[in-house]
Amino acid sequence: MQHTVRLVVPEAQMSQVAVETTKRAVASGGIRLGVLDNSKGNADHLLRFIVEGVKALLPVASVLTLRKESVSLPAPDALLDQLAGGADYVISAMAD
């Protein structure tokens, strides 16, 4: 089962559309979805809505949600390694 998901940022202008050269197959049990919460206010709510939307479109086997400790610092390598090992796709968002 293959699906194409196009995410659009409402504030950004779409000057070009990237051409997808390869398609990833969705495993029979579903994708392992990773979520990186940047710890800004309401980011958890925004990410929950995005995850619900993805689940409505694709089979999701698991959701791994991790949160940065600081808004102003990058995610530590250990946290990124955990996401890379436990997820096929990662969603990251910020909100206020």
PDB file of N, CA and C in Angstrom:
ATOM      1  N   MET A   1       0.841  -1.154   0.000  1.00  0.00           N
ATOM      2  CA  MET A   1       0.000   0.000   0.000  1.00  0.00           C
ATOM      3  C   MET A   1       0.899   1.234   0.000  1.00  0.00           C
ATOM      4  N   GLN A   2       0.743   2.085  -0.964  1.00  0.00           N
ATOM      5  CA  GLN A   2       1.542   3.294  -1.051  1.00  0.00           C
ATOM      6  C   GLN A   2       0.641   4.516  -1.091  1.00  0.00           C
ATOM      7  N   HIS A   3       1.041   5.519  -0.345  1.00  0.00           N
ATOM      8  CA  HIS A   3       0.295   6.772  -0.305  1.00  0.00           C
ATOM      9  C   HIS A   3       1.280   7.917  -0.439  1.00  0.00           C
ATOM     10  N   THR A   4       0.826   8.999  -0.998  1.00  0.00           N
ATOM     11  CA  THR A   4       1.618  10.217  -1.057  1.00  0.00           C
ATOM     12  C   THR A   4       0.992  11.213  -0.102  1.00  0.00           C
ATOM     13  N   VAL A   5       1.825  11.779   0.760  1.00  0.00           N
ATOM     14  CA  VAL A   5       1.355  12.782   1.700  1.00  0.00           C
ATOM     15  C   VAL A   5       2.066  14.079   1.357  1.00  0.00           C
ATOM     16  N   ARG A   6       1.314  15.127   1.103  1.00  0.00           N
ATOM     17  CA  ARG A   6       1.891  16.443   0.812  1.00  0.00           C
ATOM     18  C   ARG A   6       1.524  17.370   1.952  1.00  0.00           C
ATOM     19  N   LEU A   7       2.547  17.899   2.606  1.00  0.00           N
ATOM     20  CA  LEU A   7       2.317  18.836   3.690  1.00  0.00           C
ATOM     21  C   LEU A   7       2.560  20.239   3.165  1.00  0.00           C
ATOM     22  N   VAL A   8       1.673  21.155   3.492  1.00  0.00           N
ATOM     23  CA  VAL A   8       1.774  22.530   3.012  1.00  0.00           C
ATOM     24  C   VAL A   8       1.782  23.460   4.215  1.00  0.00           C
ATOM     25  N   VAL A   9       2.738  24.359   4.262  1.00  0.00           N
ATOM     26  CA  VAL A   9       2.782  25.384   5.297  1.00  0.00           C
ATOM     27  C   VAL A   9       2.012  26.573   4.761  1.00  0.00           C
ATOM     28  N   PRO A  10       0.932  26.970   5.408  1.00  0.00           N
ATOM     29  CA  PRO A  10       0.072  28.021   4.857  1.00  0.00           C
ATOM     30  C   PRO A  10       0.789  29.350   4.639  1.00  0.00           C
ATOM     31  N   GLU A  11       1.798  29.666   5.433  1.00  0.00           N
ATOM     32  CA  GLU A  11       2.485  30.947   5.311  1.00  0.00           C
ATOM     33  C   GLU A  11       3.523  30.952   4.195  1.00  0.00           C
ATOM     34  N   ALA A  12       3.963  29.803   3.776  1.00  0.00           N
ATOM     35  CA  ALA A  12       5.041  29.721   2.782  1.00  0.00           C
ATOM     36  C   ALA A  12       4.457  29.694   1.372  1.00  0.00           C
ATOM     37  N   GLN A  13       5.144  30.365   0.455  1.00  0.00           N
ATOM     38  CA  GLN A  13       4.745  30.310  -0.941  1.00  0.00           C
ATOM     39  C   GLN A  13       5.360  29.066  -1.571  1.00  0.00           C
ATOM     40  N   MET A  14       4.590  28.409  -2.406  1.00  0.00           N
ATOM     41  CA  MET A  14       5.102  27.223  -3.090  1.00  0.00           C
ATOM     42  C   MET A  14       5.575  27.642  -4.469  1.00  0.00           C
ATOM     43  N   SER A  15       6.867  27.914  -4.576  1.00  0.00           N
ATOM     44  CA  SER A  15       7.402  28.328  -5.859  1.00  0.00           C
ATOM     45  C   SER A  15       7.700  27.126  -6.751  1.00  0.00           C
ATOM     46  N   GLN A  16       8.091  26.021  -6.135  1.00  0.00           N
ATOM     47  CA  GLN A  16       8.371  24.807  -6.890  1.00  0.00           C
ATOM     48  C   GLN A  16       7.837  23.609  -6.116  1.00  0.00           C
ATOM     49  N   VAL A  17       7.502  22.592  -6.817  1.00  0.00           N
ATOM     50  CA  VAL A  17       7.082  21.348  -6.199  1.00  0.00           C
ATOM     51  C   VAL A  17       8.161  20.319  -6.480  1.00  0.00           C
ATOM     52  N   ALA A  18       8.650  19.709  -5.423  1.00  0.00           N
ATOM     53  CA  ALA A  18       9.690  18.689  -5.588  1.00  0.00           C
ATOM     54  C   ALA A  18       9.107  17.474  -6.306  1.00  0.00           C
ATOM     55  N   VAL A  19       9.882  16.913  -7.182  1.00  0.00           N
ATOM     56  CA  VAL A  19       9.463  15.715  -7.899  1.00  0.00           C
ATOM     57  C   VAL A  19       9.913  14.502  -7.102  1.00  0.00           C
ATOM     58  N   GLU A  20       8.967  13.661  -6.778  1.00  0.00           N
ATOM     59  CA  GLU A  20       9.275  12.461  -6.018  1.00  0.00           C
ATOM     60  C   GLU A  20       9.864  11.424  -6.965  1.00  0.00           C
ATOM     61  N   THR A  21      11.080  10.998  -6.658  1.00  0.00           N
ATOM     62  CA  THR A  21      11.752  10.046  -7.541  1.00  0.00           C
ATOM     63  C   THR A  21      11.572   8.607  -7.089  1.00  0.00           C
ATOM     64  N   THR A  22      11.375   8.397  -5.795  1.00  0.00           N
ATOM     65  CA  THR A  22      11.153   7.044  -5.299  1.00  0.00           C
ATOM     66  C   THR A  22       9.970   7.058  -4.344  1.00  0.00           C
ATOM     67  N   LYS A  23       9.315   5.937  -4.259  1.00  0.00           N
ATOM     68  CA  LYS A  23       8.192   5.806  -3.331  1.00  0.00           C
ATOM     69  C   LYS A  23       8.567   4.796  -2.268  1.00  0.00           C
ATOM     70  N   ARG A  24       8.200   5.131  -1.044  1.00  0.00           N
ATOM     71  CA  ARG A  24       8.421   4.194   0.053  1.00  0.00           C
ATOM     72  C   ARG A  24       7.165   3.346   0.206  1.00  0.00           C
ATOM     73  N   ALA A  25       7.363   2.083   0.366  1.00  0.00           N
ATOM     74  CA  ALA A  25       6.229   1.193   0.587  1.00  0.00           C
ATOM     75  C   ALA A  25       5.867   1.212   2.067  1.00  0.00           C
ATOM     76  N   VAL A  26       4.603   1.192   2.360  1.00  0.00           N
ATOM     77  CA  VAL A  26       4.139   1.120   3.735  1.00  0.00           C
ATOM     78  C   VAL A  26       4.118  -0.343   4.132  1.00  0.00           C
ATOM     79  N   ALA A  27       4.767  -0.657   5.239  1.00  0.00           N
ATOM     80  CA  ALA A  27       4.812  -2.040   5.710  1.00  0.00           C
ATOM     81  C   ALA A  27       3.396  -2.529   5.995  1.00  0.00           C
ATOM     82  N   SER A  28       3.201  -3.815   5.907  1.00  0.00           N
ATOM     83  CA  SER A  28       1.852  -4.369   6.082  1.00  0.00           C
ATOM     84  C   SER A  28       1.275  -4.037   7.451  1.00  0.00           C
ATOM     85  N   GLY A  29       2.118  -3.889   8.462  1.00  0.00           N
ATOM     86  CA  GLY A  29       1.633  -3.543   9.796  1.00  0.00           C
ATOM     87  C   GLY A  29       1.470  -2.055   9.996  1.00  0.00           C
ATOM     88  N   GLY A  30       1.896  -1.259   9.040  1.00  0.00           N
ATOM     89  CA  GLY A  30       1.805   0.185   9.147  1.00  0.00           C
ATOM     90  C   GLY A  30       3.157   0.825   9.393  1.00  0.00           C
ATOM     91  N   ILE A  31       3.200   2.138   9.293  1.00  0.00           N
ATOM     92  CA  ILE A  31       4.454   2.856   9.490  1.00  0.00           C
ATOM     93  C   ILE A  31       4.705   3.099  10.976  1.00  0.00           C
ATOM     94  N   ARG A  32       5.979   3.244  11.295  1.00  0.00           N
ATOM     95  CA  ARG A  32       6.377   3.656  12.643  1.00  0.00           C
ATOM     96  C   ARG A  32       6.581   5.168  12.564  1.00  0.00           C
ATOM     97  N   LEU A  33       5.728   5.908  13.233  1.00  0.00           N
ATOM     98  CA  LEU A  33       5.740   7.356  13.140  1.00  0.00           C
ATOM     99  C   LEU A  33       6.473   7.938  14.343  1.00  0.00           C
ATOM    100  N   GLY A  34       7.411   8.839  14.075  1.00  0.00           N
ATOM    101  CA  GLY A  34       8.127   9.533  15.130  1.00  0.00           C
ATOM    102  C   GLY A  34       7.623  10.960  15.222  1.00  0.00           C
ATOM    103  N   VAL A  35       7.589  11.490  16.445  1.00  0.00           N
ATOM    104  CA  VAL A  35       7.139  12.856  16.676  1.00  0.00           C
ATOM    105  C   VAL A  35       8.182  13.541  17.553  1.00  0.00           C
ATOM    106  N   LEU A  36       8.686  14.675  17.077  1.00  0.00           N
ATOM    107  CA  LEU A  36       9.641  15.467  17.852  1.00  0.00           C
ATOM    108  C   LEU A  36       8.956  16.766  18.261  1.00  0.00           C
ATOM    109  N   ASP A  37       8.659  16.876  19.539  1.00  0.00           N
ATOM    110  CA  ASP A  37       8.023  18.062  20.109  1.00  0.00           C
ATOM    111  C   ASP A  37       9.143  19.015  20.533  1.00  0.00           C
ATOM    112  N   ASN A  38       9.127  20.237  20.031  1.00  0.00           N
ATOM    113  CA  ASN A  38      10.208  21.170  20.345  1.00  0.00           C
ATOM    114  C   ASN A  38       9.998  21.878  21.678  1.00  0.00           C
ATOM    115  N   SER A  39       8.968  21.537  22.404  1.00  0.00           N
ATOM    116  CA  SER A  39       8.623  22.023  23.744  1.00  0.00           C
ATOM    117  C   SER A  39       8.099  23.459  23.772  1.00  0.00           C
ATOM    118  N   LYS A  40       7.731  24.015  22.626  1.00  0.00           N
ATOM    119  CA  LYS A  40       7.056  25.316  22.631  1.00  0.00           C
ATOM    120  C   LYS A  40       5.600  25.106  23.034  1.00  0.00           C
ATOM    121  N   GLY A  41       4.990  26.179  23.520  1.00  0.00           N
ATOM    122  CA  GLY A  41       3.600  26.109  23.931  1.00  0.00           C
ATOM    123  C   GLY A  41       2.709  25.669  22.782  1.00  0.00           C
ATOM    124  N   ASN A  42       1.837  24.739  23.045  1.00  0.00           N
ATOM    125  CA  ASN A  42       0.843  24.205  22.105  1.00  0.00           C
ATOM    126  C   ASN A  42       1.423  23.314  21.005  1.00  0.00           C
ATOM    127  N   ALA A  43       2.724  23.101  20.990  1.00  0.00           N
ATOM    128  CA  ALA A  43       3.294  22.197  19.980  1.00  0.00           C
ATOM    129  C   ALA A  43       2.714  20.795  20.138  1.00  0.00           C
ATOM    130  N   ASP A  44       2.513  20.368  21.384  1.00  0.00           N
ATOM    131  CA  ASP A  44       1.958  19.037  21.606  1.00  0.00           C
ATOM    132  C   ASP A  44       0.552  18.915  21.023  1.00  0.00           C
ATOM    133  N   HIS A  45      -0.248  19.982  21.117  1.00  0.00           N
ATOM    134  CA  HIS A  45      -1.596  19.951  20.546  1.00  0.00           C
ATOM    135  C   HIS A  45      -1.544  19.897  19.015  1.00  0.00           C
ATOM    136  N   LEU A  46      -0.696  20.727  18.419  1.00  0.00           N
ATOM    137  CA  LEU A  46      -0.542  20.737  16.962  1.00  0.00           C
ATOM    138  C   LEU A  46      -0.078  19.370  16.465  1.00  0.00           C
ATOM    139  N   LEU A  47       0.915  18.804  17.129  1.00  0.00           N
ATOM    140  CA  LEU A  47       1.435  17.500  16.710  1.00  0.00           C
ATOM    141  C   LEU A  47       0.380  16.409  16.865  1.00  0.00           C
ATOM    142  N   ARG A  48      -0.433  16.474  17.917  1.00  0.00           N
ATOM    143  CA  ARG A  48      -1.491  15.478  18.094  1.00  0.00           C
ATOM    144  C   ARG A  48      -2.480  15.524  16.934  1.00  0.00           C
ATOM    145  N   PHE A  49      -2.843  16.741  16.488  1.00  0.00           N
ATOM    146  CA  PHE A  49      -3.749  16.870  15.342  1.00  0.00           C
ATOM    147  C   PHE A  49      -3.110  16.313  14.073  1.00  0.00           C
ATOM    148  N   ILE A  50      -1.823  16.555  13.880  1.00  0.00           N
ATOM    149  CA  ILE A  50      -1.128  16.041  12.697  1.00  0.00           C
ATOM    150  C   ILE A  50      -1.092  14.517  12.731  1.00  0.00           C
ATOM    151  N   VAL A  51      -0.770  13.941  13.887  1.00  0.00           N
ATOM    152  CA  VAL A  51      -0.731  12.477  14.015  1.00  0.00           C
ATOM    153  C   VAL A  51      -2.111  11.890  13.735  1.00  0.00           C
ATOM    154  N   GLU A  52      -3.155  12.499  14.254  1.00  0.00           N
ATOM    155  CA  GLU A  52      -4.514  12.012  13.984  1.00  0.00           C
ATOM    156  C   GLU A  52      -4.816  12.048  12.490  1.00  0.00           C
ATOM    157  N   GLY A  53      -4.367  13.093  11.802  1.00  0.00           N
ATOM    158  CA  GLY A  53      -4.565  13.197  10.359  1.00  0.00           C
ATOM    159  C   GLY A  53      -3.817  12.123   9.596  1.00  0.00           C
ATOM    160  N   VAL A  54      -2.580  11.861  10.005  1.00  0.00           N
ATOM    161  CA  VAL A  54      -1.799  10.803   9.353  1.00  0.00           C
ATOM    162  C   VAL A  54      -2.467   9.446   9.580  1.00  0.00           C
ATOM    163  N   LYS A  55      -2.923   9.208  10.810  1.00  0.00           N
ATOM    164  CA  LYS A  55      -3.595   7.931  11.109  1.00  0.00           C
ATOM    165  C   LYS A  55      -4.868   7.752  10.284  1.00  0.00           C
ATOM    166  N   ALA A  56      -5.524   8.856   9.932  1.00  0.00           N
ATOM    167  CA  ALA A  56      -6.740   8.764   9.120  1.00  0.00           C
ATOM    168  C   ALA A  56      -6.409   8.390   7.673  1.00  0.00           C
ATOM    169  N   LEU A  57      -5.173   8.666   7.238  1.00  0.00           N
ATOM    170  CA  LEU A  57      -4.785   8.399   5.851  1.00  0.00           C
ATOM    171  C   LEU A  57      -3.966   7.129   5.667  1.00  0.00           C
ATOM    172  N   LEU A  58      -3.183   6.773   6.671  1.00  0.00           N
ATOM    173  CA  LEU A  58      -2.241   5.660   6.545  1.00  0.00           C
ATOM    174  C   LEU A  58      -2.359   4.715   7.729  1.00  0.00           C
ATOM    175  N   PRO A  59      -1.994   3.455   7.521  1.00  0.00           N
ATOM    176  CA  PRO A  59      -1.916   2.551   8.670  1.00  0.00           C
ATOM    177  C   PRO A  59      -0.669   2.896   9.491  1.00  0.00           C
ATOM    178  N   VAL A  60      -0.851   3.123  10.782  1.00  0.00           N
ATOM    179  CA  VAL A  60       0.251   3.492  11.670  1.00  0.00           C
ATOM    180  C   VAL A  60       0.406   2.383  12.710  1.00  0.00           C
ATOM    181  N   ALA A  61       1.569   1.748  12.710  1.00  0.00           N
ATOM    182  CA  ALA A  61       1.840   0.654  13.644  1.00  0.00           C
ATOM    183  C   ALA A  61       2.179   1.184  15.030  1.00  0.00           C
ATOM    184  N   SER A  62       2.920   2.294  15.082  1.00  0.00           N
ATOM    185  CA  SER A  62       3.316   2.845  16.371  1.00  0.00           C
ATOM    186  C   SER A  62       3.642   4.321  16.225  1.00  0.00           C
ATOM    187  N   VAL A  63       3.562   5.022  17.350  1.00  0.00           N
ATOM    188  CA  VAL A  63       3.930   6.436  17.394  1.00  0.00           C
ATOM    189  C   VAL A  63       4.922   6.613  18.539  1.00  0.00           C
ATOM    190  N   LEU A  64       6.110   7.091  18.212  1.00  0.00           N
ATOM    191  CA  LEU A  64       7.151   7.378  19.192  1.00  0.00           C
ATOM    192  C   LEU A  64       7.227   8.895  19.341  1.00  0.00           C
ATOM    193  N   THR A  65       6.805   9.402  20.509  1.00  0.00           N
ATOM    194  CA  THR A  65       6.789  10.840  20.738  1.00  0.00           C
ATOM    195  C   THR A  65       7.881  11.209  21.727  1.00  0.00           C
ATOM    196  N   LEU A  66       8.769  12.101  21.304  1.00  0.00           N
ATOM    197  CA  LEU A  66       9.854  12.578  22.165  1.00  0.00           C
ATOM    198  C   LEU A  66       9.810  14.095  22.213  1.00  0.00           C
ATOM    199  N   ARG A  67      10.273  14.650  23.325  1.00  0.00           N
ATOM    200  CA  ARG A  67      10.198  16.095  23.533  1.00  0.00           C
ATOM    201  C   ARG A  67      11.587  16.638  23.875  1.00  0.00           C
ATOM    202  N   LYS A  68      11.954  17.731  23.201  1.00  0.00           N
ATOM    203  CA  LYS A  68      13.201  18.406  23.530  1.00  0.00           C
ATOM    204  C   LYS A  68      13.072  19.045  24.904  1.00  0.00           C
ATOM    205  N   GLU A  69      14.184  19.159  25.616  1.00  0.00           N
ATOM    206  CA  GLU A  69      14.147  19.786  26.935  1.00  0.00           C
ATOM    207  C   GLU A  69      14.114  21.303  26.835  1.00  0.00           C
ATOM    208  N   SER A  70      14.694  21.857  25.774  1.00  0.00           N
ATOM    209  CA  SER A  70      14.793  23.301  25.652  1.00  0.00           C
ATOM    210  C   SER A  70      14.341  23.748  24.269  1.00  0.00           C
ATOM    211  N   VAL A  71      13.539  24.813  24.245  1.00  0.00           N
ATOM    212  CA  VAL A  71      13.080  25.370  22.976  1.00  0.00           C
ATOM    213  C   VAL A  71      14.250  25.910  22.162  1.00  0.00           C
ATOM    214  N   SER A  72      15.201  26.516  22.839  1.00  0.00           N
ATOM    215  CA  SER A  72      16.266  27.248  22.139  1.00  0.00           C
ATOM    216  C   SER A  72      17.456  26.401  21.736  1.00  0.00           C
ATOM    217  N   LEU A  73      17.539  25.178  22.211  1.00  0.00           N
ATOM    218  CA  LEU A  73      18.684  24.318  21.880  1.00  0.00           C
ATOM    219  C   LEU A  73      18.269  23.228  20.900  1.00  0.00           C
ATOM    220  N   PRO A  74      19.210  22.786  20.055  1.00  0.00           N
ATOM    221  CA  PRO A  74      18.872  21.687  19.143  1.00  0.00           C
ATOM    222  C   PRO A  74      18.633  20.393  19.920  1.00  0.00           C
ATOM    223  N   ALA A  75      17.961  19.480  19.278  1.00  0.00           N
ATOM    224  CA  ALA A  75      17.718  18.172  19.902  1.00  0.00           C
ATOM    225  C   ALA A  75      19.053  17.458  20.094  1.00  0.00           C
ATOM    226  N   PRO A  76      19.272  16.858  21.255  1.00  0.00           N
ATOM    227  CA  PRO A  76      20.510  16.117  21.486  1.00  0.00           C
ATOM    228  C   PRO A  76      20.633  14.933  20.524  1.00  0.00           C
ATOM    229  N   ASP A  77      21.859  14.569  20.211  1.00  0.00           N
ATOM    230  CA  ASP A  77      22.104  13.453  19.294  1.00  0.00           C
ATOM    231  C   ASP A  77      21.433  12.173  19.765  1.00  0.00           C
ATOM    232  N   ALA A  78      21.445  11.923  21.073  1.00  0.00           N
ATOM    233  CA  ALA A  78      20.828  10.696  21.592  1.00  0.00           C
ATOM    234  C   ALA A  78      19.332  10.656  21.292  1.00  0.00           C
ATOM    235  N   LEU A  79      18.667  11.797  21.396  1.00  0.00           N
ATOM    236  CA  LEU A  79      17.237  11.868  21.100  1.00  0.00           C
ATOM    237  C   LEU A  79      16.994  11.624  19.609  1.00  0.00           C
ATOM    238  N   LEU A  80      17.823  12.238  18.771  1.00  0.00           N
ATOM    239  CA  LEU A  80      17.683  12.032  17.319  1.00  0.00           C
ATOM    240  C   LEU A  80      17.975  10.589  16.931  1.00  0.00           C
ATOM    241  N   ASP A  81      18.962   9.975  17.586  1.00  0.00           N
ATOM    242  CA  ASP A  81      19.264   8.566  17.324  1.00  0.00           C
ATOM    243  C   ASP A  81      18.093   7.673  17.716  1.00  0.00           C
ATOM    244  N   GLN A  82      17.441   8.011  18.827  1.00  0.00           N
ATOM    245  CA  GLN A  82      16.277   7.234  19.258  1.00  0.00           C
ATOM    246  C   GLN A  82      15.153   7.338  18.232  1.00  0.00           C
ATOM    247  N   LEU A  83      14.926   8.531  17.697  1.00  0.00           N
ATOM    248  CA  LEU A  83      13.908   8.700  16.657  1.00  0.00           C
ATOM    249  C   LEU A  83      14.286   7.938  15.391  1.00  0.00           C
ATOM    250  N   ALA A  84      15.550   8.038  14.987  1.00  0.00           N
ATOM    251  CA  ALA A  84      16.002   7.355  13.771  1.00  0.00           C
ATOM    252  C   ALA A  84      15.849   5.841  13.892  1.00  0.00           C
ATOM    253  N   GLY A  85      16.075   5.309  15.073  1.00  0.00           N
ATOM    254  CA  GLY A  85      15.966   3.864  15.269  1.00  0.00           C
ATOM    255  C   GLY A  85      14.541   3.369  15.459  1.00  0.00           C
ATOM    256  N   GLY A  86      13.643   4.251  15.890  1.00  0.00           N
ATOM    257  CA  GLY A  86      12.300   3.798  16.218  1.00  0.00           C
ATOM    258  C   GLY A  86      11.201   4.280  15.301  1.00  0.00           C
ATOM    259  N   ALA A  87      11.586   5.011  14.223  1.00  0.00           N
ATOM    260  CA  ALA A  87      10.549   5.565  13.352  1.00  0.00           C
ATOM    261  C   ALA A  87      10.957   5.481  11.885  1.00  0.00           C
ATOM    262  N   ASP A  88       9.961   5.283  11.033  1.00  0.00           N
ATOM    263  CA  ASP A  88      10.188   5.321   9.587  1.00  0.00           C
ATOM    264  C   ASP A  88      10.100   6.753   9.078  1.00  0.00           C
ATOM    265  N   TYR A  89       9.224   7.546   9.695  1.00  0.00           N
ATOM    266  CA  TYR A  89       9.011   8.943   9.341  1.00  0.00           C
ATOM    267  C   TYR A  89       8.931   9.746  10.630  1.00  0.00           C
ATOM    268  N   VAL A  90       9.432  10.982  10.593  1.00  0.00           N
ATOM    269  CA  VAL A  90       9.400  11.835  11.780  1.00  0.00           C
ATOM    270  C   VAL A  90       8.715  13.149  11.435  1.00  0.00           C
ATOM    271  N   ILE A  91       7.825  13.578  12.329  1.00  0.00           N
ATOM    272  CA  ILE A  91       7.154  14.860  12.208  1.00  0.00           C
ATOM    273  C   ILE A  91       7.699  15.757  13.305  1.00  0.00           C
ATOM    274  N   SER A  92       8.061  16.970  12.935  1.00  0.00           N
ATOM    275  CA  SER A  92       8.492  17.948  13.923  1.00  0.00           C
ATOM    276  C   SER A  92       7.735  19.236  13.651  1.00  0.00           C
ATOM    277  N   ALA A  93       7.289  19.896  14.708  1.00  0.00           N
ATOM    278  CA  ALA A  93       6.546  21.134  14.537  1.00  0.00           C
ATOM    279  C   ALA A  93       6.773  22.037  15.727  1.00  0.00           C
ATOM    280  N   MET A  94       6.506  23.314  15.522  1.00  0.00           N
ATOM    281  CA  MET A  94       6.550  24.250  16.633  1.00  0.00           C
ATOM    282  C   MET A  94       5.263  25.062  16.618  1.00  0.00           C
ATOM    283  N   ALA A  95       4.906  25.577  17.773  1.00  0.00           N
ATOM    284  CA  ALA A  95       3.656  26.320  17.873  1.00  0.00           C
ATOM    285  C   ALA A  95       3.748  27.318  19.009  1.00  0.00           C
ATOM    286  N   ASP A  96       2.790  28.141  19.127  1.00  0.00           N
ATOM    287  CA  ASP A  96       2.643  29.088  20.232  1.00  0.00           C
ATOM    288  C   ASP A  96       1.186  29.307  20.526  1.00  0.00           C
TER     289      ASP A  96
END
